[in-house]
Protein backbone atom coordinates (compact mmCIF):
# COMPACT_ATOMS: atom_id res chain seq x y z
CA MET A 1 98.17 90.73 95.09
CA PRO A 2 98.12 91.12 98.90
CA PHE A 3 101.25 93.29 99.07
CA PRO A 4 101.76 95.26 95.85
CA ALA A 5 105.00 97.04 95.04
CA SER A 6 103.44 100.43 95.84
CA GLU A 7 100.22 102.16 96.81
CA THR A 8 100.09 103.39 93.20
CA ASP A 9 99.84 99.73 92.10
CA VAL A 10 96.75 99.32 94.29
CA LEU A 11 95.11 102.37 92.72
CA GLU A 12 96.01 101.23 89.20
CA THR A 13 94.56 97.80 89.93
CA ALA A 14 91.33 99.40 91.18
CA ALA A 15 91.14 101.55 88.03
CA GLY A 16 91.58 98.44 85.87
CA TRP A 17 88.79 96.65 87.70
CA LEU A 18 86.49 99.65 87.25
CA ALA A 19 87.32 99.81 83.54
CA ALA A 20 86.43 96.11 83.28
CA GLY A 21 82.99 96.81 84.78
CA HIS A 22 83.51 95.61 88.35
CA GLY A 23 82.27 97.34 91.46
CA VAL A 24 85.19 98.51 93.58
CA ALA A 25 85.73 99.89 97.07
CA LEU A 26 88.90 101.47 98.38
CA ALA A 27 89.90 101.21 102.04
CA THR A 28 92.53 103.62 103.32
CA VAL A 29 94.35 103.87 106.64
CA ILE A 30 93.51 107.44 107.67
CA ARG A 31 95.06 107.47 111.16
CA THR A 32 97.44 105.38 113.23
CA SER A 33 98.41 105.49 116.87
CA GLY A 34 101.21 103.61 118.60
CA SER A 35 102.69 100.59 116.90
CA ALA A 36 100.62 100.11 113.74
CA PRO A 37 101.07 97.40 111.10
CA ARG A 38 100.72 99.83 108.16
CA GLN A 39 101.15 103.58 107.85
CA ALA A 40 98.52 106.21 107.13
CA GLY A 41 97.82 106.28 103.40
CA SER A 42 98.04 102.51 102.96
CA HIS A 43 95.31 101.11 100.72
CA ILE A 44 93.44 97.95 99.93
CA ALA A 45 91.21 97.84 96.84
CA ILE A 46 88.33 95.37 97.01
CA ARG A 47 86.45 94.10 93.99
CA ASP A 48 82.74 93.23 94.12
CA ASP A 49 83.56 89.50 93.98
CA GLY A 50 85.94 89.72 96.97
CA LEU A 51 89.23 89.80 95.08
CA PHE A 52 91.56 92.36 96.65
CA ALA A 53 94.89 94.08 96.18
CA GLY A 54 96.95 95.79 98.86
CA SER A 55 96.86 95.80 102.63
CA VAL A 56 95.74 98.02 105.50
CA SER A 57 96.87 95.85 108.41
CA ALA A 58 99.31 93.21 107.18
CA GLY A 59 96.55 90.60 107.57
CA CYS A 60 95.11 91.42 111.01
CA VAL A 61 91.75 92.83 109.89
CA GLU A 62 91.67 92.48 106.10
CA GLY A 63 88.86 89.89 106.18
CA ALA A 64 86.60 92.23 108.13
CA ILE A 65 87.46 95.18 105.88
CA ILE A 66 86.72 93.14 102.74
CA ALA A 67 83.28 92.18 104.13
CA GLN A 68 82.57 95.78 105.11
CA ALA A 69 83.69 97.00 101.67
CA GLN A 70 81.12 94.75 100.04
CA THR A 71 78.45 96.24 102.32
CA ALA A 72 79.66 99.75 101.44
CA MET A 73 79.36 98.93 97.72
CA THR A 74 75.82 97.58 98.20
CA GLU A 75 74.74 100.61 100.25
CA GLY A 76 76.69 103.15 98.19
CA ARG A 77 77.98 104.74 101.42
CA CYS A 78 81.37 105.27 103.05
CA ARG A 79 82.12 103.49 106.30
CA LYS A 80 84.77 104.23 108.94
CA PHE A 81 86.26 101.75 111.43
CA THR A 82 88.78 101.86 114.25
CA PHE A 83 90.76 98.81 115.28
CA GLY A 84 92.86 98.54 118.42
CA VAL A 85 94.28 95.70 120.47
CA GLU A 86 90.96 93.96 121.18
CA ASP A 87 88.24 95.96 119.53
CA GLY A 88 86.81 96.47 116.10
CA ILE A 89 84.42 94.50 113.99
CA LEU A 90 83.61 91.01 115.28
CA GLY A 91 86.08 91.39 118.15
CA LEU A 92 89.06 91.47 115.78
CA GLY A 93 92.03 93.50 116.85
CA LEU A 94 95.64 94.32 116.25
CA THR A 95 98.31 92.22 117.88
CA CYS A 96 100.89 95.00 117.58
CA GLY A 97 99.35 97.07 120.38
CA GLY A 98 98.55 100.09 118.22
CA GLU A 99 95.40 101.48 116.69
CA ILE A 100 94.36 102.17 113.11
CA GLU A 101 91.39 104.01 111.64
CA ILE A 102 90.24 102.89 108.20
CA LEU A 103 87.90 104.63 105.76
CA VAL A 104 86.08 102.37 103.29
CA GLU A 105 84.76 104.14 100.20
CA PRO A 106 82.74 102.59 97.39
CA ILE A 107 83.91 103.89 94.03
CA LEU A 108 80.78 104.49 92.03
């Protein structure tokens, strides 16, 4: 479910995964600047096996966020990342010219 009908759908999906016994992390766009692919408050829920629902960047950095979410679940710690045109994890960036800041939180 890469693009659910609403952010509420993402949260409900995450709650269902938790109820089924999966580890879950939630990544949220907490700040945008310039032309950004998704607005502040956009979510992606990531399950411990890599399945995900939602989007924080319309595909630009989801792979990196999913990997970082799995690390956050293992460590039990939040992580915060900023992505711009040519920066971010592994040299990934946004093609739209803007900047987004994403908070990744393991749900324990």
